[in-house]
Amino acid sequence: MKKMKFVNIITESTLGSILPDEIIRLGAQGYTLFEVSGSGKRGKREGDFTLSQSIQIEILCDEETASKIIRTLQVQIF
C-alpha cells in the first residue's frame, strides 16, 4: 500500500479558478475546496468581499503527487 500525504493549501480566492485543474493535471484523484476566514500575523481575513476572500484546498494523494503539487506551487504560483 502506498504511503499517503495530506496537502493543505490556503490562498487567495482568485487562484480558485486555476489551482483545481492544475492539481488534477499533476495526478491528484480529487480535492476539497472551501472558503475560509481567520486571523494571524498578517491580520484578519473576513472574506467580506471577493478580493479579500481566502480558500482552502485539501488533497489526499500519494507522496509522488504531493511532491509534484508542492514543487509546482512553489515555482509557478508562490
PDB file of N, CA and C in Angstrom:
ATOM      1  N   MET A   1       0.830  -1.184   0.000  1.00  0.00           N
ATOM      2  CA  MET A   1       0.000   0.000   0.000  1.00  0.00           C
ATOM      3  C   MET A   1       0.875   1.248   0.000  1.00  0.00           C
ATOM      4  N   LYS A   2       0.551   2.202  -0.872  1.00  0.00           N
ATOM      5  CA  LYS A   2       1.323   3.437  -0.958  1.00  0.00           C
ATOM      6  C   LYS A   2       1.090   4.310   0.263  1.00  0.00           C
ATOM      7  N   LYS A   3       2.147   5.013   0.660  1.00  0.00           N
ATOM      8  CA  LYS A   3       2.048   5.980   1.732  1.00  0.00           C
ATOM      9  C   LYS A   3       1.304   7.205   1.201  1.00  0.00           C
ATOM     10  N   MET A   4       0.307   7.677   1.950  1.00  0.00           N
ATOM     11  CA  MET A   4      -0.492   8.813   1.518  1.00  0.00           C
ATOM     12  C   MET A   4      -0.051  10.082   2.240  1.00  0.00           C
ATOM     13  N   LYS A   5      -0.222  11.209   1.565  1.00  0.00           N
ATOM     14  CA  LYS A   5       0.108  12.522   2.114  1.00  0.00           C
ATOM     15  C   LYS A   5      -1.133  13.405   2.051  1.00  0.00           C
ATOM     16  N   PHE A   6      -1.245  14.302   3.025  1.00  0.00           N
ATOM     17  CA  PHE A   6      -2.317  15.282   3.069  1.00  0.00           C
ATOM     18  C   PHE A   6      -1.712  16.631   2.724  1.00  0.00           C
ATOM     19  N   VAL A   7      -2.167  17.237   1.641  1.00  0.00           N
ATOM     20  CA  VAL A   7      -1.686  18.550   1.224  1.00  0.00           C
ATOM     21  C   VAL A   7      -2.796  19.550   1.516  1.00  0.00           C
ATOM     22  N   ASN A   8      -2.451  20.594   2.243  1.00  0.00           N
ATOM     23  CA  ASN A   8      -3.416  21.618   2.642  1.00  0.00           C
ATOM     24  C   ASN A   8      -2.929  22.966   2.116  1.00  0.00           C
ATOM     25  N   ILE A   9      -3.710  23.605   1.252  1.00  0.00           N
ATOM     26  CA  ILE A   9      -3.332  24.875   0.644  1.00  0.00           C
ATOM     27  C   ILE A   9      -4.346  25.923   1.076  1.00  0.00           C
ATOM     28  N   ILE A  10      -3.858  27.025   1.613  1.00  0.00           N
ATOM     29  CA  ILE A  10      -4.720  28.171   1.915  1.00  0.00           C
ATOM     30  C   ILE A  10      -4.163  29.348   1.143  1.00  0.00           C
ATOM     31  N   THR A  11      -5.015  29.957   0.303  1.00  0.00           N
ATOM     32  CA  THR A  11      -4.541  31.004  -0.587  1.00  0.00           C
ATOM     33  C   THR A  11      -5.674  31.959  -0.957  1.00  0.00           C
ATOM     34  N   GLU A  12      -5.352  32.946  -1.756  1.00  0.00           N
ATOM     35  CA  GLU A  12      -6.330  33.910  -2.253  1.00  0.00           C
ATOM     36  C   GLU A  12      -7.382  33.200  -3.100  1.00  0.00           C
ATOM     37  N   SER A  13      -8.618  33.641  -2.991  1.00  0.00           N
ATOM     38  CA  SER A  13      -9.710  33.001  -3.738  1.00  0.00           C
ATOM     39  C   SER A  13      -9.543  33.142  -5.250  1.00  0.00           C
ATOM     40  N   THR A  14      -8.793  34.141  -5.696  1.00  0.00           N
ATOM     41  CA  THR A  14      -8.590  34.317  -7.135  1.00  0.00           C
ATOM     42  C   THR A  14      -7.893  33.110  -7.765  1.00  0.00           C
ATOM     43  N   LEU A  15      -7.138  32.355  -6.975  1.00  0.00           N
ATOM     44  CA  LEU A  15      -6.470  31.160  -7.502  1.00  0.00           C
ATOM     45  C   LEU A  15      -7.402  29.951  -7.570  1.00  0.00           C
ATOM     46  N   GLY A  16      -8.606  30.092  -7.040  1.00  0.00           N
ATOM     47  CA  GLY A  16      -9.576  29.004  -7.057  1.00  0.00           C
ATOM     48  C   GLY A  16     -10.026  28.609  -8.446  1.00  0.00           C
ATOM     49  N   SER A  17      -9.805  29.487  -9.417  1.00  0.00           N
ATOM     50  CA  SER A  17     -10.193  29.160 -10.790  1.00  0.00           C
ATOM     51  C   SER A  17      -9.111  28.389 -11.542  1.00  0.00           C
ATOM     52  N   ILE A  18      -7.859  28.415 -11.044  1.00  0.00           N
ATOM     53  CA  ILE A  18      -6.790  27.711 -11.763  1.00  0.00           C
ATOM     54  C   ILE A  18      -6.191  26.532 -10.993  1.00  0.00           C
ATOM     55  N   LEU A  19      -6.144  26.626  -9.663  1.00  0.00           N
ATOM     56  CA  LEU A  19      -5.500  25.559  -8.888  1.00  0.00           C
ATOM     57  C   LEU A  19      -6.173  24.196  -9.018  1.00  0.00           C
ATOM     58  N   PRO A  20      -7.499  24.092  -8.964  1.00  0.00           N
ATOM     59  CA  PRO A  20      -8.101  22.752  -9.063  1.00  0.00           C
ATOM     60  C   PRO A  20      -7.700  21.996 -10.337  1.00  0.00           C
ATOM     61  N   ASP A  21      -7.743  22.657 -11.475  1.00  0.00           N
ATOM     62  CA  ASP A  21      -7.344  21.996 -12.728  1.00  0.00           C
ATOM     63  C   ASP A  21      -5.881  21.576 -12.691  1.00  0.00           C
ATOM     64  N   GLU A  22      -5.031  22.428 -12.127  1.00  0.00           N
ATOM     65  CA  GLU A  22      -3.602  22.116 -12.039  1.00  0.00           C
ATOM     66  C   GLU A  22      -3.359  20.927 -11.110  1.00  0.00           C
ATOM     67  N   ILE A  23      -4.083  20.874 -10.011  1.00  0.00           N
ATOM     68  CA  ILE A  23      -3.951  19.769  -9.057  1.00  0.00           C
ATOM     69  C   ILE A  23      -4.317  18.430  -9.712  1.00  0.00           C
ATOM     70  N   ILE A  24      -5.389  18.422 -10.459  1.00  0.00           N
ATOM     71  CA  ILE A  24      -5.802  17.199 -11.173  1.00  0.00           C
ATOM     72  C   ILE A  24      -4.782  16.849 -12.256  1.00  0.00           C
ATOM     73  N   ARG A  25      -4.307  17.851 -12.981  1.00  0.00           N
ATOM     74  CA  ARG A  25      -3.316  17.621 -14.041  1.00  0.00           C
ATOM     75  C   ARG A  25      -2.051  16.988 -13.477  1.00  0.00           C
ATOM     76  N   LEU A  26      -1.711  17.343 -12.245  1.00  0.00           N
ATOM     77  CA  LEU A  26      -0.496  16.822 -11.618  1.00  0.00           C
ATOM     78  C   LEU A  26      -0.675  15.426 -11.029  1.00  0.00           C
ATOM     79  N   GLY A  27      -1.891  14.884 -11.083  1.00  0.00           N
ATOM     80  CA  GLY A  27      -2.078  13.488 -10.689  1.00  0.00           C
ATOM     81  C   GLY A  27      -3.013  13.221  -9.529  1.00  0.00           C
ATOM     82  N   ALA A  28      -3.527  14.266  -8.883  1.00  0.00           N
ATOM     83  CA  ALA A  28      -4.461  14.032  -7.771  1.00  0.00           C
ATOM     84  C   ALA A  28      -5.767  13.471  -8.323  1.00  0.00           C
ATOM     85  N   GLN A  29      -6.388  12.593  -7.568  1.00  0.00           N
ATOM     86  CA  GLN A  29      -7.661  11.993  -7.973  1.00  0.00           C
ATOM     87  C   GLN A  29      -8.835  12.892  -7.633  1.00  0.00           C
ATOM     88  N   GLY A  30      -8.623  13.833  -6.717  1.00  0.00           N
ATOM     89  CA  GLY A  30      -9.682  14.741  -6.311  1.00  0.00           C
ATOM     90  C   GLY A  30      -9.169  15.720  -5.271  1.00  0.00           C
ATOM     91  N   TYR A  31     -10.040  16.589  -4.822  1.00  0.00           N
ATOM     92  CA  TYR A  31      -9.686  17.612  -3.845  1.00  0.00           C
ATOM     93  C   TYR A  31     -10.968  18.119  -3.198  1.00  0.00           C
ATOM     94  N   THR A  32     -10.813  18.843  -2.107  1.00  0.00           N
ATOM     95  CA  THR A  32     -11.919  19.540  -1.461  1.00  0.00           C
ATOM     96  C   THR A  32     -11.535  21.003  -1.385  1.00  0.00           C
ATOM     97  N   LEU A  33     -12.438  21.890  -1.812  1.00  0.00           N
ATOM     98  CA  LEU A  33     -12.178  23.321  -1.825  1.00  0.00           C
ATOM     99  C   LEU A  33     -13.305  24.020  -1.076  1.00  0.00           C
ATOM    100  N   PHE A  34     -12.939  24.929  -0.178  1.00  0.00           N
ATOM    101  CA  PHE A  34     -13.966  25.703   0.509  1.00  0.00           C
ATOM    102  C   PHE A  34     -13.417  27.066   0.904  1.00  0.00           C
ATOM    103  N   GLU A  35     -14.318  28.043   1.112  1.00  0.00           N
ATOM    104  CA  GLU A  35     -13.941  29.374   1.547  1.00  0.00           C
ATOM    105  C   GLU A  35     -13.628  29.331   3.036  1.00  0.00           C
ATOM    106  N   VAL A  36     -12.606  30.100   3.437  1.00  0.00           N
ATOM    107  CA  VAL A  36     -12.205  30.133   4.833  1.00  0.00           C
ATOM    108  C   VAL A  36     -11.964  31.579   5.269  1.00  0.00           C
ATOM    109  N   SER A  37     -11.968  31.774   6.558  1.00  0.00           N
ATOM    110  CA  SER A  37     -11.582  33.063   7.123  1.00  0.00           C
ATOM    111  C   SER A  37     -10.783  32.786   8.384  1.00  0.00           C
ATOM    112  N   GLY A  38     -10.032  33.787   8.828  1.00  0.00           N
ATOM    113  CA  GLY A  38      -9.228  33.583  10.022  1.00  0.00           C
ATOM    114  C   GLY A  38      -8.404  34.805  10.343  1.00  0.00           C
ATOM    115  N   SER A  39      -7.500  34.632  11.281  1.00  0.00           N
ATOM    116  CA  SER A  39      -6.663  35.731  11.715  1.00  0.00           C
ATOM    117  C   SER A  39      -5.278  35.200  12.036  1.00  0.00           C
ATOM    118  N   GLY A  40      -4.270  36.030  11.798  1.00  0.00           N
ATOM    119  CA  GLY A  40      -2.893  35.636  12.067  1.00  0.00           C
ATOM    120  C   GLY A  40      -1.975  36.832  12.018  1.00  0.00           C
ATOM    121  N   LYS A  41      -0.678  36.587  11.815  1.00  0.00           N
ATOM    122  CA  LYS A  41       0.318  37.659  11.779  1.00  0.00           C
ATOM    123  C   LYS A  41      -0.017  38.733  10.753  1.00  0.00           C
ATOM    124  N   ARG A  42      -0.623  38.327   9.669  1.00  0.00           N
ATOM    125  CA  ARG A  42      -0.910  39.265   8.580  1.00  0.00           C
ATOM    126  C   ARG A  42      -2.272  39.933   8.721  1.00  0.00           C
ATOM    127  N   GLY A  43      -2.933  39.708   9.820  1.00  0.00           N
ATOM    128  CA  GLY A  43      -4.215  40.360  10.067  1.00  0.00           C
ATOM    129  C   GLY A  43      -5.380  39.401   9.923  1.00  0.00           C
ATOM    130  N   LYS A  44      -6.558  39.968  10.007  1.00  0.00           N
ATOM    131  CA  LYS A  44      -7.790  39.189   9.953  1.00  0.00           C
ATOM    132  C   LYS A  44      -8.307  39.132   8.528  1.00  0.00           C
ATOM    133  N   ARG A  45      -8.724  37.939   8.094  1.00  0.00           N
ATOM    134  CA  ARG A  45      -9.297  37.742   6.763  1.00  0.00           C
ATOM    135  C   ARG A  45     -10.751  37.358   6.938  1.00  0.00           C
ATOM    136  N   GLU A  46     -11.627  38.301   6.698  1.00  0.00           N
ATOM    137  CA  GLU A  46     -13.056  38.064   6.893  1.00  0.00           C
ATOM    138  C   GLU A  46     -13.727  37.475   5.666  1.00  0.00           C
ATOM    139  N   GLY A  47     -13.232  37.816   4.476  1.00  0.00           N
ATOM    140  CA  GLY A  47     -13.905  37.355   3.266  1.00  0.00           C
ATOM    141  C   GLY A  47     -15.149  38.161   2.984  1.00  0.00           C
ATOM    142  N   ASP A  48     -15.155  39.445   3.396  1.00  0.00           N
ATOM    143  CA  ASP A  48     -16.323  40.299   3.203  1.00  0.00           C
ATOM    144  C   ASP A  48     -16.580  40.629   1.739  1.00  0.00           C
ATOM    145  N   PHE A  49     -15.539  40.700   0.932  1.00  0.00           N
ATOM    146  CA  PHE A  49     -15.720  40.917  -0.496  1.00  0.00           C
ATOM    147  C   PHE A  49     -14.759  40.027  -1.252  1.00  0.00           C
ATOM    148  N   THR A  50     -15.080  39.757  -2.498  1.00  0.00           N
ATOM    149  CA  THR A  50     -14.402  38.728  -3.284  1.00  0.00           C
ATOM    150  C   THR A  50     -12.873  38.836  -3.266  1.00  0.00           C
ATOM    151  N   LEU A  51     -12.334  40.038  -3.375  1.00  0.00           N
ATOM    152  CA  LEU A  51     -10.883  40.175  -3.473  1.00  0.00           C
ATOM    153  C   LEU A  51     -10.155  39.827  -2.182  1.00  0.00           C
ATOM    154  N   SER A  52     -10.857  39.823  -1.058  1.00  0.00           N
ATOM    155  CA  SER A  52     -10.168  39.525   0.200  1.00  0.00           C
ATOM    156  C   SER A  52     -10.458  38.120   0.711  1.00  0.00           C
ATOM    157  N   GLN A  53     -11.234  37.345  -0.011  1.00  0.00           N
ATOM    158  CA  GLN A  53     -11.566  36.001   0.432  1.00  0.00           C
ATOM    159  C   GLN A  53     -10.371  35.065   0.301  1.00  0.00           C
ATOM    160  N   SER A  54     -10.354  34.080   1.169  1.00  0.00           N
ATOM    161  CA  SER A  54      -9.347  33.024   1.091  1.00  0.00           C
ATOM    162  C   SER A  54     -10.057  31.704   0.846  1.00  0.00           C
ATOM    163  N   ILE A  55      -9.339  30.788   0.211  1.00  0.00           N
ATOM    164  CA  ILE A  55      -9.856  29.445   0.014  1.00  0.00           C
ATOM    165  C   ILE A  55      -8.876  28.450   0.616  1.00  0.00           C
ATOM    166  N   GLN A  56      -9.402  27.286   0.925  1.00  0.00           N
ATOM    167  CA  GLN A  56      -8.572  26.179   1.396  1.00  0.00           C
ATOM    168  C   GLN A  56      -8.839  25.001   0.475  1.00  0.00           C
ATOM    169  N   ILE A  57      -7.773  24.381   0.017  1.00  0.00           N
ATOM    170  CA  ILE A  57      -7.877  23.195  -0.832  1.00  0.00           C
ATOM    171  C   ILE A  57      -7.168  22.055  -0.108  1.00  0.00           C
ATOM    172  N   GLU A  58      -7.879  20.961   0.077  1.00  0.00           N
ATOM    173  CA  GLU A  58      -7.318  19.783   0.732  1.00  0.00           C
ATOM    174  C   GLU A  58      -7.207  18.652  -0.280  1.00  0.00           C
ATOM    175  N   ILE A  59      -6.059  17.991  -0.276  1.00  0.00           N
ATOM    176  CA  ILE A  59      -5.793  16.906  -1.217  1.00  0.00           C
ATOM    177  C   ILE A  59      -5.184  15.743  -0.451  1.00  0.00           C
ATOM    178  N   LEU A  60      -5.706  14.557  -0.655  1.00  0.00           N
ATOM    179  CA  LEU A  60      -5.121  13.334  -0.116  1.00  0.00           C
ATOM    180  C   LEU A  60      -4.587  12.562  -1.310  1.00  0.00           C
ATOM    181  N   CYS A  61      -3.274  12.349  -1.343  1.00  0.00           N
ATOM    182  CA  CYS A  61      -2.670  11.727  -2.520  1.00  0.00           C
ATOM    183  C   CYS A  61      -1.398  10.989  -2.121  1.00  0.00           C
ATOM    184  N   ASP A  62      -0.821  10.292  -3.085  1.00  0.00           N
ATOM    185  CA  ASP A  62       0.432   9.589  -2.808  1.00  0.00           C
ATOM    186  C   ASP A  62       1.584  10.597  -2.707  1.00  0.00           C
ATOM    187  N   GLU A  63       2.714  10.139  -2.181  1.00  0.00           N
ATOM    188  CA  GLU A  63       3.868  11.015  -1.946  1.00  0.00           C
ATOM    189  C   GLU A  63       4.376  11.686  -3.218  1.00  0.00           C
ATOM    190  N   GLU A  64       4.433  10.943  -4.298  1.00  0.00           N
ATOM    191  CA  GLU A  64       4.939  11.492  -5.562  1.00  0.00           C
ATOM    192  C   GLU A  64       4.064  12.644  -6.043  1.00  0.00           C
ATOM    193  N   THR A  65       2.754  12.457  -6.000  1.00  0.00           N
ATOM    194  CA  THR A  65       1.832  13.504  -6.435  1.00  0.00           C
ATOM    195  C   THR A  65       1.915  14.705  -5.506  1.00  0.00           C
ATOM    196  N   ALA A  66       2.008  14.471  -4.204  1.00  0.00           N
ATOM    197  CA  ALA A  66       2.139  15.571  -3.244  1.00  0.00           C
ATOM    198  C   ALA A  66       3.389  16.399  -3.544  1.00  0.00           C
ATOM    199  N   SER A  67       4.488  15.741  -3.829  1.00  0.00           N
ATOM    200  CA  SER A  67       5.730  16.445  -4.158  1.00  0.00           C
ATOM    201  C   SER A  67       5.580  17.272  -5.423  1.00  0.00           C
ATOM    202  N   LYS A  68       4.921  16.706  -6.443  1.00  0.00           N
ATOM    203  CA  LYS A  68       4.692  17.445  -7.691  1.00  0.00           C
ATOM    204  C   LYS A  68       3.853  18.692  -7.441  1.00  0.00           C
ATOM    205  N   ILE A  69       2.799  18.546  -6.658  1.00  0.00           N
ATOM    206  CA  ILE A  69       1.919  19.676  -6.365  1.00  0.00           C
ATOM    207  C   ILE A  69       2.680  20.766  -5.624  1.00  0.00           C
ATOM    208  N   ILE A  70       3.418  20.386  -4.604  1.00  0.00           N
ATOM    209  CA  ILE A  70       4.156  21.363  -3.802  1.00  0.00           C
ATOM    210  C   ILE A  70       5.222  22.065  -4.633  1.00  0.00           C
ATOM    211  N   ARG A  71       5.973  21.308  -5.431  1.00  0.00           N
ATOM    212  CA  ARG A  71       7.002  21.913  -6.293  1.00  0.00           C
ATOM    213  C   ARG A  71       6.386  22.896  -7.281  1.00  0.00           C
ATOM    214  N   THR A  72       5.292  22.502  -7.892  1.00  0.00           N
ATOM    215  CA  THR A  72       4.628  23.368  -8.868  1.00  0.00           C
ATOM    216  C   THR A  72       4.127  24.651  -8.210  1.00  0.00           C
ATOM    217  N   LEU A  73       3.534  24.536  -7.039  1.00  0.00           N
ATOM    218  CA  LEU A  73       3.066  25.722  -6.326  1.00  0.00           C
ATOM    219  C   LEU A  73       4.216  26.656  -5.986  1.00  0.00           C
ATOM    220  N   GLN A  74       5.329  26.095  -5.510  1.00  0.00           N
ATOM    221  CA  GLN A  74       6.486  26.912  -5.142  1.00  0.00           C
ATOM    222  C   GLN A  74       7.064  27.656  -6.333  1.00  0.00           C
ATOM    223  N   VAL A  75       7.165  26.984  -7.467  1.00  0.00           N
ATOM    224  CA  VAL A  75       7.818  27.550  -8.633  1.00  0.00           C
ATOM    225  C   VAL A  75       6.883  28.445  -9.449  1.00  0.00           C
ATOM    226  N   GLN A  76       5.682  27.988  -9.711  1.00  0.00           N
ATOM    227  CA  GLN A  76       4.800  28.687 -10.650  1.00  0.00           C
ATOM    228  C   GLN A  76       3.813  29.647  -9.990  1.00  0.00           C
ATOM    229  N   ILE A  77       3.372  29.340  -8.793  1.00  0.00           N
ATOM    230  CA  ILE A  77       2.312  30.138  -8.189  1.00  0.00           C
ATOM    231  C   ILE A  77       2.833  31.072  -7.111  1.00  0.00           C
ATOM    232  N   PHE A  78       3.584  30.523  -6.135  1.00  0.00           N
ATOM    233  CA  PHE A  78       4.011  31.326  -4.996  1.00  0.00           C
ATOM    234  C   PHE A  78       5.438  31.771  -5.146  1.00  0.00           C
TER     235      PHE A  78
END
